[in-house]
Amino acid sequence: MFLAHADYERNVGFCENLLGLACINLKEWSLAEEHFAAAMDKFQKVGEDKFIIMVRHNLGWMYSKQNLSSLAIRYLSEVVENSPNHYKAMYAKALEHYKLDERDVAAELIENGLNISKKLNQEEFIHRYLILQELNNASPTQKLETVVLAGIDYFEREGLYEDVQESYETLGTKFYDEKNHHEASKYFHLGLKAKRKFFEEGALK
C-alpha cells in the first residue's frame, strides 16, 4: 500500500515538474513557480532527494531567465552543493555570478564545469562554458567572436535556435558597445532570424 502511494506521489511530482517547465517556455512565471512548489512537496513526501535537486535546478533556471540573480543563485547553490558534478546547474550559477560582476566566483565555476563537461563529452555545454569564459574574461572582440560563432555552428546543427538567437545578440551587443554599428546590425539581424526560426519550430511541434 505504501509503495503504491509513493509511486502516486512521485508520478504527480513528475507531472507538476513538467507543467512547470512548460510554463517557463510560455513565460508564465507565477504558474511555473506554483507547479515547481507542488512538485517539490510531492518529492519531499516520499523522500526523493534526487528529484528534489532536479526541481531546485529548474527553479534556479527559471529565476535566471527572469534575471533574478540572487534567487537563482540561492537554489543553484543548493544543487551544486548536493550534486557537485551537476554541470548544468554550475553553468547557470556561473552565469548569474557573471551578471553580478562577481568574476572570480564565475571563473572558478566555469573552470570546474568546463572540465566536467569535457569528461562527459557534453558538447553543448562545452560551447556554453567557452562562450561564458570569454565574456567573463572580457576577452578581445575578435576572440569572443570566434568562440561564439563556433558555438552557433553547433547550436544550429542541433536545432537550438533560442541559443543561436542569444549568441548572435551577444555579438551584436559587443559590437554595438564598441560603436561598430555595421557588425552590430548584422548580428542583431541574424539574431532576429534565429528568433523567427525558434518560433516556427515551436509552432510545428
N, C-alpha and C. Protein backbone atom coordinates (compact mmCIF):
# COMPACT_ATOMS: atom_id res chain seq x y z
N MET A 1 0.84 -1.21 0.00
CA MET A 1 0.00 0.00 0.00
C MET A 1 0.88 1.26 0.00
N PHE A 2 1.92 1.25 0.84
CA PHE A 2 2.80 2.42 0.89
C PHE A 2 3.50 2.63 -0.45
N LEU A 3 3.95 1.50 -1.07
CA LEU A 3 4.65 1.60 -2.35
C LEU A 3 3.75 2.21 -3.42
N ALA A 4 2.50 1.79 -3.43
CA ALA A 4 1.54 2.34 -4.40
C ALA A 4 1.35 3.83 -4.16
N HIS A 5 1.25 4.22 -2.89
CA HIS A 5 1.09 5.63 -2.55
C HIS A 5 2.33 6.43 -2.95
N ALA A 6 3.51 5.86 -2.69
CA ALA A 6 4.76 6.54 -3.04
C ALA A 6 4.86 6.73 -4.55
N ASP A 7 4.48 5.70 -5.31
CA ASP A 7 4.51 5.82 -6.77
C ASP A 7 3.57 6.92 -7.25
N TYR A 8 2.40 6.99 -6.61
CA TYR A 8 1.43 8.03 -6.99
C TYR A 8 2.01 9.42 -6.73
N GLU A 9 2.55 9.63 -5.54
CA GLU A 9 3.13 10.93 -5.19
C GLU A 9 4.27 11.29 -6.14
N ARG A 10 5.09 10.29 -6.46
CA ARG A 10 6.22 10.51 -7.36
C ARG A 10 5.74 10.90 -8.76
N ASN A 11 4.74 10.19 -9.26
CA ASN A 11 4.23 10.47 -10.61
C ASN A 11 3.57 11.84 -10.70
N VAL A 12 2.84 12.21 -9.64
CA VAL A 12 2.24 13.55 -9.61
C VAL A 12 3.34 14.61 -9.59
N GLY A 13 4.41 14.32 -8.83
CA GLY A 13 5.55 15.24 -8.79
C GLY A 13 6.16 15.45 -10.16
N PHE A 14 6.32 14.36 -10.92
CA PHE A 14 6.86 14.48 -12.28
C PHE A 14 5.94 15.32 -13.17
N CYS A 15 4.64 15.11 -13.03
CA CYS A 15 3.68 15.88 -13.82
C CYS A 15 3.76 17.37 -13.49
N GLU A 16 3.83 17.67 -12.20
CA GLU A 16 3.93 19.08 -11.78
C GLU A 16 5.23 19.71 -12.31
N ASN A 17 6.31 18.94 -12.27
CA ASN A 17 7.59 19.45 -12.77
C ASN A 17 7.51 19.74 -14.27
N LEU A 18 6.90 18.84 -15.03
CA LEU A 18 6.75 19.05 -16.47
C LEU A 18 5.88 20.27 -16.77
N LEU A 19 4.82 20.44 -15.99
CA LEU A 19 3.96 21.62 -16.17
C LEU A 19 4.74 22.90 -15.87
N GLY A 20 5.60 22.83 -14.85
CA GLY A 20 6.44 23.99 -14.53
C GLY A 20 7.36 24.35 -15.68
N LEU A 21 7.97 23.34 -16.30
CA LEU A 21 8.86 23.58 -17.44
C LEU A 21 8.09 24.17 -18.63
N ALA A 22 6.87 23.65 -18.85
CA ALA A 22 6.04 24.18 -19.94
C ALA A 22 5.71 25.65 -19.69
N CYS A 23 5.44 25.99 -18.44
CA CYS A 23 5.11 27.38 -18.10
C CYS A 23 6.32 28.30 -18.28
N ILE A 24 7.53 27.78 -18.05
CA ILE A 24 8.74 28.58 -18.31
C ILE A 24 8.80 28.94 -19.78
N ASN A 25 8.55 27.95 -20.65
CA ASN A 25 8.58 28.21 -22.09
C ASN A 25 7.56 29.25 -22.51
N LEU A 26 6.43 29.28 -21.78
CA LEU A 26 5.38 30.26 -22.06
C LEU A 26 5.59 31.57 -21.31
N LYS A 27 6.66 31.62 -20.50
CA LYS A 27 6.96 32.79 -19.66
C LYS A 27 5.84 33.09 -18.67
N GLU A 28 5.16 32.04 -18.24
CA GLU A 28 4.14 32.15 -17.19
C GLU A 28 4.83 31.84 -15.86
N TRP A 29 5.56 32.84 -15.37
CA TRP A 29 6.47 32.61 -14.25
C TRP A 29 5.75 32.21 -12.97
N SER A 30 4.66 32.87 -12.64
CA SER A 30 3.95 32.56 -11.39
C SER A 30 3.40 31.14 -11.40
N LEU A 31 2.84 30.76 -12.55
CA LEU A 31 2.31 29.39 -12.67
C LEU A 31 3.43 28.36 -12.58
N ALA A 32 4.56 28.67 -13.22
CA ALA A 32 5.71 27.77 -13.16
C ALA A 32 6.15 27.57 -11.72
N GLU A 33 6.21 28.66 -10.98
CA GLU A 33 6.62 28.60 -9.57
C GLU A 33 5.66 27.72 -8.76
N GLU A 34 4.37 27.86 -9.02
CA GLU A 34 3.36 27.05 -8.32
C GLU A 34 3.55 25.57 -8.61
N HIS A 35 3.76 25.24 -9.88
CA HIS A 35 3.93 23.83 -10.25
C HIS A 35 5.21 23.25 -9.66
N PHE A 36 6.28 24.02 -9.66
CA PHE A 36 7.54 23.52 -9.08
C PHE A 36 7.40 23.33 -7.57
N ALA A 37 6.68 24.24 -6.92
CA ALA A 37 6.46 24.11 -5.47
C ALA A 37 5.66 22.84 -5.18
N ALA A 38 4.65 22.57 -6.02
CA ALA A 38 3.84 21.36 -5.85
C ALA A 38 4.68 20.11 -6.09
N ALA A 39 5.55 20.17 -7.10
CA ALA A 39 6.43 19.03 -7.38
C ALA A 39 7.37 18.77 -6.21
N MET A 40 7.93 19.84 -5.67
CA MET A 40 8.84 19.73 -4.53
C MET A 40 8.13 19.08 -3.34
N ASP A 41 6.90 19.49 -3.11
CA ASP A 41 6.12 18.95 -2.00
C ASP A 41 5.92 17.44 -2.16
N LYS A 42 5.59 17.02 -3.37
CA LYS A 42 5.36 15.59 -3.62
C LYS A 42 6.63 14.78 -3.42
N PHE A 43 7.74 15.28 -3.95
CA PHE A 43 9.00 14.54 -3.82
C PHE A 43 9.51 14.51 -2.38
N GLN A 44 9.24 15.59 -1.63
CA GLN A 44 9.65 15.62 -0.23
C GLN A 44 8.85 14.60 0.60
N LYS A 45 7.59 14.41 0.24
CA LYS A 45 6.74 13.46 0.97
C LYS A 45 7.27 12.03 0.89
N VAL A 46 7.90 11.70 -0.24
CA VAL A 46 8.40 10.33 -0.42
C VAL A 46 9.93 10.26 -0.34
N GLY A 47 10.55 11.36 0.09
CA GLY A 47 11.99 11.37 0.33
C GLY A 47 12.85 11.16 -0.90
N GLU A 48 12.40 11.70 -2.03
CA GLU A 48 13.14 11.55 -3.29
C GLU A 48 14.13 12.71 -3.47
N ASP A 49 15.27 12.60 -2.80
CA ASP A 49 16.25 13.70 -2.82
C ASP A 49 16.73 14.04 -4.23
N LYS A 50 16.93 13.00 -5.05
CA LYS A 50 17.43 13.22 -6.42
C LYS A 50 16.48 14.11 -7.21
N PHE A 51 15.18 13.87 -7.04
CA PHE A 51 14.19 14.64 -7.80
C PHE A 51 13.95 16.02 -7.18
N ILE A 52 14.17 16.12 -5.88
CA ILE A 52 14.12 17.44 -5.23
C ILE A 52 15.21 18.34 -5.82
N ILE A 53 16.41 17.77 -6.00
CA ILE A 53 17.52 18.52 -6.62
C ILE A 53 17.15 18.95 -8.03
N MET A 54 16.48 18.06 -8.77
CA MET A 54 16.05 18.37 -10.14
C MET A 54 15.12 19.59 -10.15
N VAL A 55 14.17 19.62 -9.22
CA VAL A 55 13.22 20.73 -9.17
C VAL A 55 13.92 22.02 -8.74
N ARG A 56 14.85 21.91 -7.79
CA ARG A 56 15.61 23.09 -7.36
C ARG A 56 16.39 23.68 -8.54
N HIS A 57 16.96 22.80 -9.36
CA HIS A 57 17.67 23.27 -10.55
C HIS A 57 16.72 24.01 -11.48
N ASN A 58 15.53 23.46 -11.68
CA ASN A 58 14.56 24.11 -12.56
C ASN A 58 14.10 25.46 -12.01
N LEU A 59 13.96 25.54 -10.70
CA LEU A 59 13.62 26.83 -10.08
C LEU A 59 14.75 27.84 -10.29
N GLY A 60 15.98 27.38 -10.10
CA GLY A 60 17.12 28.27 -10.33
C GLY A 60 17.18 28.76 -11.76
N TRP A 61 16.93 27.85 -12.69
CA TRP A 61 16.92 28.20 -14.11
C TRP A 61 15.82 29.21 -14.41
N MET A 62 14.64 28.99 -13.81
CA MET A 62 13.52 29.91 -14.02
C MET A 62 13.86 31.32 -13.53
N TYR A 63 14.45 31.42 -12.34
CA TYR A 63 14.81 32.74 -11.81
C TYR A 63 15.92 33.38 -12.65
N SER A 64 16.81 32.54 -13.18
CA SER A 64 17.86 33.05 -14.07
C SER A 64 17.25 33.67 -15.32
N LYS A 65 16.23 33.00 -15.88
CA LYS A 65 15.57 33.51 -17.09
C LYS A 65 14.93 34.87 -16.84
N GLN A 66 14.58 35.14 -15.56
CA GLN A 66 13.95 36.42 -15.20
C GLN A 66 14.99 37.44 -14.71
N ASN A 67 16.27 37.06 -14.75
CA ASN A 67 17.35 37.92 -14.24
C ASN A 67 17.20 38.22 -12.75
N LEU A 68 16.63 37.27 -12.02
CA LEU A 68 16.54 37.38 -10.56
C LEU A 68 17.74 36.62 -9.98
N SER A 69 18.90 37.23 -10.11
CA SER A 69 20.16 36.52 -9.85
C SER A 69 20.28 35.98 -8.43
N SER A 70 19.90 36.76 -7.44
CA SER A 70 20.06 36.32 -6.05
C SER A 70 19.23 35.07 -5.76
N LEU A 71 17.98 35.07 -6.24
CA LEU A 71 17.12 33.90 -6.05
C LEU A 71 17.67 32.71 -6.82
N ALA A 72 18.10 32.95 -8.05
CA ALA A 72 18.65 31.87 -8.87
C ALA A 72 19.86 31.24 -8.18
N ILE A 73 20.77 32.08 -7.69
CA ILE A 73 21.98 31.58 -7.04
C ILE A 73 21.64 30.78 -5.79
N ARG A 74 20.64 31.22 -5.06
CA ARG A 74 20.24 30.51 -3.84
C ARG A 74 19.87 29.05 -4.15
N TYR A 75 19.03 28.85 -5.15
CA TYR A 75 18.61 27.49 -5.50
C TYR A 75 19.73 26.70 -6.17
N LEU A 76 20.45 27.35 -7.06
CA LEU A 76 21.52 26.65 -7.79
C LEU A 76 22.67 26.27 -6.87
N SER A 77 22.92 27.07 -5.84
CA SER A 77 23.97 26.74 -4.87
C SER A 77 23.64 25.45 -4.14
N GLU A 78 22.36 25.27 -3.80
CA GLU A 78 21.92 24.05 -3.13
C GLU A 78 22.11 22.84 -4.03
N VAL A 79 21.84 23.03 -5.33
CA VAL A 79 22.00 21.93 -6.29
C VAL A 79 23.47 21.54 -6.40
N VAL A 80 24.34 22.52 -6.58
CA VAL A 80 25.78 22.25 -6.75
C VAL A 80 26.37 21.64 -5.48
N GLU A 81 25.91 22.11 -4.33
CA GLU A 81 26.40 21.58 -3.06
C GLU A 81 26.05 20.10 -2.90
N ASN A 82 24.83 19.74 -3.31
CA ASN A 82 24.36 18.36 -3.16
C ASN A 82 24.73 17.47 -4.34
N SER A 83 25.04 18.09 -5.46
CA SER A 83 25.39 17.32 -6.66
C SER A 83 26.57 18.02 -7.35
N PRO A 84 27.79 17.80 -6.85
CA PRO A 84 28.97 18.57 -7.29
C PRO A 84 29.32 18.46 -8.77
N ASN A 85 28.82 17.43 -9.46
CA ASN A 85 29.09 17.27 -10.89
C ASN A 85 27.94 17.74 -11.77
N HIS A 86 27.02 18.47 -11.20
CA HIS A 86 25.85 18.96 -11.94
C HIS A 86 26.28 20.14 -12.81
N TYR A 87 26.81 19.82 -14.00
CA TYR A 87 27.41 20.85 -14.86
C TYR A 87 26.38 21.87 -15.36
N LYS A 88 25.11 21.46 -15.46
CA LYS A 88 24.08 22.40 -15.91
C LYS A 88 23.82 23.47 -14.85
N ALA A 89 23.68 23.03 -13.60
CA ALA A 89 23.47 23.99 -12.51
C ALA A 89 24.70 24.86 -12.31
N MET A 90 25.88 24.26 -12.48
CA MET A 90 27.13 25.01 -12.34
C MET A 90 27.21 26.13 -13.38
N TYR A 91 26.78 25.80 -14.61
CA TYR A 91 26.79 26.81 -15.68
C TYR A 91 25.82 27.95 -15.35
N ALA A 92 24.60 27.58 -14.95
CA ALA A 92 23.58 28.60 -14.65
C ALA A 92 24.04 29.49 -13.49
N LYS A 93 24.68 28.88 -12.49
CA LYS A 93 25.19 29.65 -11.34
C LYS A 93 26.32 30.58 -11.78
N ALA A 94 27.23 30.07 -12.61
CA ALA A 94 28.33 30.90 -13.12
C ALA A 94 27.80 32.09 -13.90
N LEU A 95 26.75 31.85 -14.69
CA LEU A 95 26.15 32.93 -15.48
C LEU A 95 25.61 34.03 -14.59
N GLU A 96 24.96 33.64 -13.48
CA GLU A 96 24.39 34.65 -12.57
C GLU A 96 25.49 35.44 -11.87
N HIS A 97 26.57 34.77 -11.48
CA HIS A 97 27.68 35.49 -10.86
C HIS A 97 28.33 36.44 -11.87
N TYR A 98 28.39 36.03 -13.13
CA TYR A 98 28.91 36.91 -14.18
C TYR A 98 28.03 38.15 -14.32
N LYS A 99 26.72 37.95 -14.30
CA LYS A 99 25.78 39.09 -14.40
C LYS A 99 25.99 40.07 -13.26
N LEU A 100 26.34 39.54 -12.08
CA LEU A 100 26.56 40.39 -10.90
C LEU A 100 27.98 40.93 -10.84
N ASP A 101 28.77 40.66 -11.87
CA ASP A 101 30.17 41.10 -11.96
C ASP A 101 31.03 40.47 -10.87
N GLU A 102 30.66 39.27 -10.45
CA GLU A 102 31.45 38.52 -9.48
C GLU A 102 32.35 37.56 -10.27
N ARG A 103 33.36 38.14 -10.90
CA ARG A 103 34.14 37.44 -11.92
C ARG A 103 34.94 36.26 -11.37
N ASP A 104 35.51 36.41 -10.18
CA ASP A 104 36.34 35.33 -9.63
C ASP A 104 35.50 34.08 -9.32
N VAL A 105 34.32 34.30 -8.73
CA VAL A 105 33.43 33.17 -8.43
C VAL A 105 32.99 32.51 -9.73
N ALA A 106 32.62 33.33 -10.71
CA ALA A 106 32.20 32.80 -12.01
C ALA A 106 33.32 32.01 -12.66
N ALA A 107 34.55 32.53 -12.60
CA ALA A 107 35.70 31.87 -13.24
C ALA A 107 35.93 30.47 -12.68
N GLU A 108 35.82 30.34 -11.36
CA GLU A 108 36.04 29.03 -10.74
C GLU A 108 34.97 28.03 -11.17
N LEU A 109 33.72 28.49 -11.19
CA LEU A 109 32.62 27.62 -11.62
C LEU A 109 32.76 27.23 -13.09
N ILE A 110 33.17 28.19 -13.91
CA ILE A 110 33.36 27.91 -15.35
C ILE A 110 34.44 26.85 -15.54
N GLU A 111 35.55 27.01 -14.85
CA GLU A 111 36.66 26.05 -14.99
C GLU A 111 36.22 24.65 -14.58
N ASN A 112 35.55 24.55 -13.43
CA ASN A 112 35.10 23.23 -12.95
C ASN A 112 34.05 22.63 -13.88
N GLY A 113 33.08 23.46 -14.27
CA GLY A 113 32.01 22.97 -15.13
C GLY A 113 32.50 22.57 -16.51
N LEU A 114 33.45 23.32 -17.04
CA LEU A 114 34.02 23.00 -18.35
C LEU A 114 34.78 21.67 -18.30
N ASN A 115 35.53 21.46 -17.24
CA ASN A 115 36.26 20.19 -17.09
C ASN A 115 35.31 19.00 -17.02
N ILE A 116 34.23 19.16 -16.25
CA ILE A 116 33.23 18.09 -16.13
C ILE A 116 32.57 17.84 -17.48
N SER A 117 32.21 18.91 -18.18
CA SER A 117 31.55 18.78 -19.48
C SER A 117 32.45 18.07 -20.49
N LYS A 118 33.74 18.36 -20.44
CA LYS A 118 34.69 17.70 -21.35
C LYS A 118 34.81 16.21 -21.02
N LYS A 119 34.87 15.89 -19.73
CA LYS A 119 34.96 14.48 -19.32
C LYS A 119 33.73 13.70 -19.76
N LEU A 120 32.57 14.35 -19.72
CA LEU A 120 31.31 13.70 -20.10
C LEU A 120 30.99 13.86 -21.58
N ASN A 121 31.88 14.56 -22.31
CA ASN A 121 31.68 14.81 -23.74
C ASN A 121 30.35 15.52 -24.01
N GLN A 122 30.02 16.49 -23.17
CA GLN A 122 28.79 17.27 -23.32
C GLN A 122 29.09 18.49 -24.19
N GLU A 123 29.02 18.29 -25.51
CA GLU A 123 29.47 19.32 -26.44
C GLU A 123 28.67 20.62 -26.30
N GLU A 124 27.36 20.49 -26.09
CA GLU A 124 26.54 21.70 -25.94
C GLU A 124 27.08 22.59 -24.82
N PHE A 125 27.35 21.98 -23.67
CA PHE A 125 27.79 22.78 -22.53
C PHE A 125 29.26 23.17 -22.63
N ILE A 126 30.04 22.42 -23.37
CA ILE A 126 31.41 22.87 -23.64
C ILE A 126 31.36 24.21 -24.35
N HIS A 127 30.50 24.33 -25.37
CA HIS A 127 30.37 25.60 -26.08
C HIS A 127 29.82 26.70 -25.17
N ARG A 128 28.81 26.35 -24.37
CA ARG A 128 28.24 27.35 -23.45
C ARG A 128 29.31 27.89 -22.50
N TYR A 129 30.07 26.98 -21.93
CA TYR A 129 31.12 27.39 -20.98
C TYR A 129 32.20 28.22 -21.66
N LEU A 130 32.61 27.82 -22.87
CA LEU A 130 33.66 28.55 -23.57
C LEU A 130 33.23 29.98 -23.89
N ILE A 131 31.97 30.14 -24.29
CA ILE A 131 31.44 31.48 -24.57
C ILE A 131 31.42 32.31 -23.29
N LEU A 132 30.89 31.72 -22.21
CA LEU A 132 30.80 32.44 -20.95
C LEU A 132 32.20 32.79 -20.42
N GLN A 133 33.14 31.90 -20.65
CA GLN A 133 34.52 32.15 -20.20
C GLN A 133 35.10 33.39 -20.88
N GLU A 134 34.88 33.52 -22.19
CA GLU A 134 35.38 34.70 -22.90
C GLU A 134 34.69 35.98 -22.42
N LEU A 135 33.40 35.89 -22.16
CA LEU A 135 32.68 37.05 -21.64
C LEU A 135 33.20 37.43 -20.26
N ASN A 136 33.38 36.43 -19.41
CA ASN A 136 33.83 36.68 -18.05
C ASN A 136 35.25 37.24 -18.02
N ASN A 137 36.07 36.82 -19.00
CA ASN A 137 37.45 37.31 -19.08
C ASN A 137 37.56 38.65 -19.79
N ALA A 138 36.41 39.17 -20.26
CA ALA A 138 36.40 40.41 -21.06
C ALA A 138 37.41 40.32 -22.20
N SER A 139 37.36 39.21 -22.91
CA SER A 139 38.31 38.95 -24.00
C SER A 139 38.12 39.92 -25.15
N PRO A 140 39.16 40.11 -25.97
CA PRO A 140 39.02 40.97 -27.15
C PRO A 140 37.88 40.48 -28.05
N THR A 141 37.25 41.41 -28.73
CA THR A 141 36.06 41.10 -29.52
C THR A 141 36.32 40.01 -30.55
N GLN A 142 37.47 40.07 -31.21
CA GLN A 142 37.77 39.08 -32.25
C GLN A 142 37.82 37.66 -31.67
N LYS A 143 38.40 37.52 -30.49
CA LYS A 143 38.49 36.20 -29.85
C LYS A 143 37.10 35.73 -29.43
N LEU A 144 36.31 36.64 -28.84
CA LEU A 144 34.94 36.30 -28.44
C LEU A 144 34.14 35.88 -29.67
N GLU A 145 34.28 36.63 -30.75
CA GLU A 145 33.52 36.34 -31.97
C GLU A 145 33.83 34.93 -32.48
N THR A 146 35.09 34.55 -32.48
CA THR A 146 35.49 33.22 -32.95
C THR A 146 34.83 32.12 -32.13
N VAL A 147 34.85 32.29 -30.80
CA VAL A 147 34.29 31.28 -29.90
C VAL A 147 32.77 31.22 -30.03
N VAL A 148 32.13 32.39 -30.11
CA VAL A 148 30.66 32.43 -30.23
C VAL A 148 30.21 31.81 -31.55
N LEU A 149 30.88 32.13 -32.64
CA LEU A 149 30.49 31.58 -33.95
C LEU A 149 30.66 30.06 -33.99
N ALA A 150 31.68 29.54 -33.31
CA ALA A 150 31.84 28.08 -33.22
C ALA A 150 30.66 27.48 -32.45
N GLY A 151 30.24 28.16 -31.39
CA GLY A 151 29.07 27.71 -30.64
C GLY A 151 27.81 27.75 -31.48
N ILE A 152 27.64 28.82 -32.25
CA ILE A 152 26.46 28.96 -33.10
C ILE A 152 26.38 27.83 -34.12
N ASP A 153 27.52 27.45 -34.70
CA ASP A 153 27.54 26.32 -35.65
C ASP A 153 26.97 25.07 -35.00
N TYR A 154 27.38 24.81 -33.77
CA TYR A 154 26.88 23.63 -33.06
C TYR A 154 25.39 23.78 -32.74
N PHE A 155 25.00 24.93 -32.20
CA PHE A 155 23.60 25.15 -31.82
C PHE A 155 22.67 25.01 -33.02
N GLU A 156 23.10 25.51 -34.17
CA GLU A 156 22.27 25.41 -35.38
C GLU A 156 22.13 23.96 -35.83
N ARG A 157 23.21 23.21 -35.78
CA ARG A 157 23.15 21.79 -36.16
C ARG A 157 22.18 21.02 -35.27
N GLU A 158 22.12 21.41 -34.01
CA GLU A 158 21.27 20.71 -33.05
C GLU A 158 19.86 21.31 -32.96
N GLY A 159 19.60 22.35 -33.75
CA GLY A 159 18.27 22.97 -33.73
C GLY A 159 17.99 23.78 -32.47
N LEU A 160 19.05 24.26 -31.81
CA LEU A 160 18.90 25.05 -30.57
C LEU A 160 18.82 26.53 -30.94
N TYR A 161 17.69 26.91 -31.55
CA TYR A 161 17.60 28.24 -32.15
C TYR A 161 17.51 29.37 -31.12
N GLU A 162 17.00 29.06 -29.93
CA GLU A 162 16.99 30.09 -28.88
C GLU A 162 18.43 30.42 -28.47
N ASP A 163 19.27 29.40 -28.42
CA ASP A 163 20.69 29.63 -28.11
C ASP A 163 21.39 30.35 -29.25
N VAL A 164 21.00 30.03 -30.49
CA VAL A 164 21.54 30.74 -31.65
C VAL A 164 21.21 32.23 -31.54
N GLN A 165 19.94 32.51 -31.23
CA GLN A 165 19.49 33.91 -31.09
C GLN A 165 20.29 34.64 -30.02
N GLU A 166 20.39 34.03 -28.84
CA GLU A 166 21.10 34.68 -27.73
C GLU A 166 22.58 34.90 -28.06
N SER A 167 23.18 33.96 -28.79
CA SER A 167 24.60 34.08 -29.14
C SER A 167 24.82 35.22 -30.13
N TYR A 168 23.95 35.31 -31.14
CA TYR A 168 24.06 36.43 -32.08
C TYR A 168 23.85 37.76 -31.37
N GLU A 169 22.90 37.80 -30.43
CA GLU A 169 22.65 39.04 -29.69
C GLU A 169 23.84 39.42 -28.81
N THR A 170 24.53 38.41 -28.29
CA THR A 170 25.75 38.67 -27.52
C THR A 170 26.78 39.41 -28.37
N LEU A 171 26.96 38.92 -29.61
CA LEU A 171 27.90 39.59 -30.52
C LEU A 171 27.40 40.96 -30.93
N GLY A 172 26.09 41.06 -31.20
CA GLY A 172 25.52 42.35 -31.58
C GLY A 172 25.74 43.40 -30.51
N THR A 173 25.52 43.01 -29.26
CA THR A 173 25.70 43.93 -28.13
C THR A 173 27.16 44.34 -27.99
N LYS A 174 28.07 43.36 -28.15
CA LYS A 174 29.50 43.65 -28.02
C LYS A 174 29.95 44.67 -29.08
N PHE A 175 29.53 44.46 -30.32
CA PHE A 175 29.92 45.38 -31.39
C PHE A 175 29.23 46.74 -31.24
N TYR A 176 28.00 46.73 -30.75
CA TYR A 176 27.29 48.00 -30.52
C TYR A 176 28.01 48.83 -29.47
N ASP A 177 28.44 48.16 -28.40
CA ASP A 177 29.16 48.87 -27.33
C ASP A 177 30.47 49.48 -27.84
N GLU A 178 31.02 48.87 -28.88
CA GLU A 178 32.26 49.39 -29.46
C GLU A 178 32.00 50.35 -30.61
N LYS A 179 30.70 50.68 -30.78
CA LYS A 179 30.27 51.62 -31.84
C LYS A 179 30.58 51.11 -33.25
N ASN A 180 30.67 49.80 -33.38
CA ASN A 180 30.81 49.18 -34.70
C ASN A 180 29.40 48.80 -35.16
N HIS A 181 28.68 49.80 -35.66
CA HIS A 181 27.25 49.63 -35.91
C HIS A 181 26.97 48.69 -37.08
N HIS A 182 27.89 48.60 -38.03
CA HIS A 182 27.68 47.69 -39.16
C HIS A 182 27.64 46.24 -38.68
N GLU A 183 28.65 45.84 -37.90
CA GLU A 183 28.70 44.47 -37.38
C GLU A 183 27.57 44.22 -36.39
N ALA A 184 27.27 45.23 -35.56
CA ALA A 184 26.18 45.09 -34.59
C ALA A 184 24.87 44.82 -35.31
N SER A 185 24.60 45.60 -36.35
CA SER A 185 23.37 45.45 -37.11
C SER A 185 23.28 44.06 -37.75
N LYS A 186 24.41 43.59 -38.28
CA LYS A 186 24.45 42.27 -38.92
C LYS A 186 24.07 41.17 -37.92
N TYR A 187 24.66 41.23 -36.74
CA TYR A 187 24.41 40.17 -35.77
C TYR A 187 23.02 40.28 -35.14
N PHE A 188 22.53 41.49 -34.91
CA PHE A 188 21.16 41.62 -34.40
C PHE A 188 20.16 41.10 -35.43
N HIS A 189 20.43 41.34 -36.71
CA HIS A 189 19.55 40.84 -37.77
C HIS A 189 19.55 39.31 -37.81
N LEU A 190 20.74 38.71 -37.69
CA LEU A 190 20.83 37.25 -37.65
C LEU A 190 20.13 36.69 -36.41
N GLY A 191 20.21 37.42 -35.30
CA GLY A 191 19.51 37.01 -34.09
C GLY A 191 18.01 37.02 -34.28
N LEU A 192 17.51 38.03 -35.00
CA LEU A 192 16.08 38.12 -35.27
C LEU A 192 15.63 36.95 -36.14
N LYS A 193 16.44 36.59 -37.13
CA LYS A 193 16.11 35.45 -37.99
C LYS A 193 16.07 34.16 -37.17
N ALA A 194 17.01 34.01 -36.24
CA ALA A 194 17.04 32.82 -35.38
C ALA A 194 15.81 32.78 -34.47
N LYS A 195 15.38 33.96 -34.00
CA LYS A 195 14.19 34.03 -33.15
C LYS A 195 12.96 33.58 -33.92
N ARG A 196 12.85 34.01 -35.18
CA ARG A 196 11.72 33.58 -36.01
C ARG A 196 11.75 32.06 -36.21
N LYS A 197 12.95 31.54 -36.45
CA LYS A 197 13.11 30.10 -36.64
C LYS A 197 12.69 29.35 -35.38
N PHE A 198 13.05 29.89 -34.23
CA PHE A 198 12.69 29.28 -32.94
C PHE A 198 11.18 29.19 -32.79
N PHE A 199 10.48 30.28 -33.12
CA PHE A 199 9.02 30.28 -33.01
C PHE A 199 8.38 29.37 -34.05
N GLU A 200 8.97 29.33 -35.25
CA GLU A 200 8.44 28.44 -36.30
C GLU A 200 8.56 26.98 -35.87
N GLU A 201 9.72 26.63 -35.32
CA GLU A 201 9.93 25.26 -34.87
C GLU A 201 8.97 24.90 -33.74
N GLY A 202 8.74 25.87 -32.83
CA GLY A 202 7.82 25.64 -31.73
C GLY A 202 6.40 25.45 -32.22
N ALA A 203 6.01 26.19 -33.25
CA ALA A 203 4.65 26.10 -33.79
C ALA A 203 4.40 24.76 -34.46
N LEU A 204 5.47 24.13 -34.97
CA LEU A 204 5.33 22.86 -35.67
C LEU A 204 5.25 21.68 -34.73
N LYS A 205 5.64 21.88 -33.47
CA LYS A 205 5.66 20.76 -32.51
C LYS A 205 4.25 20.44 -32.01
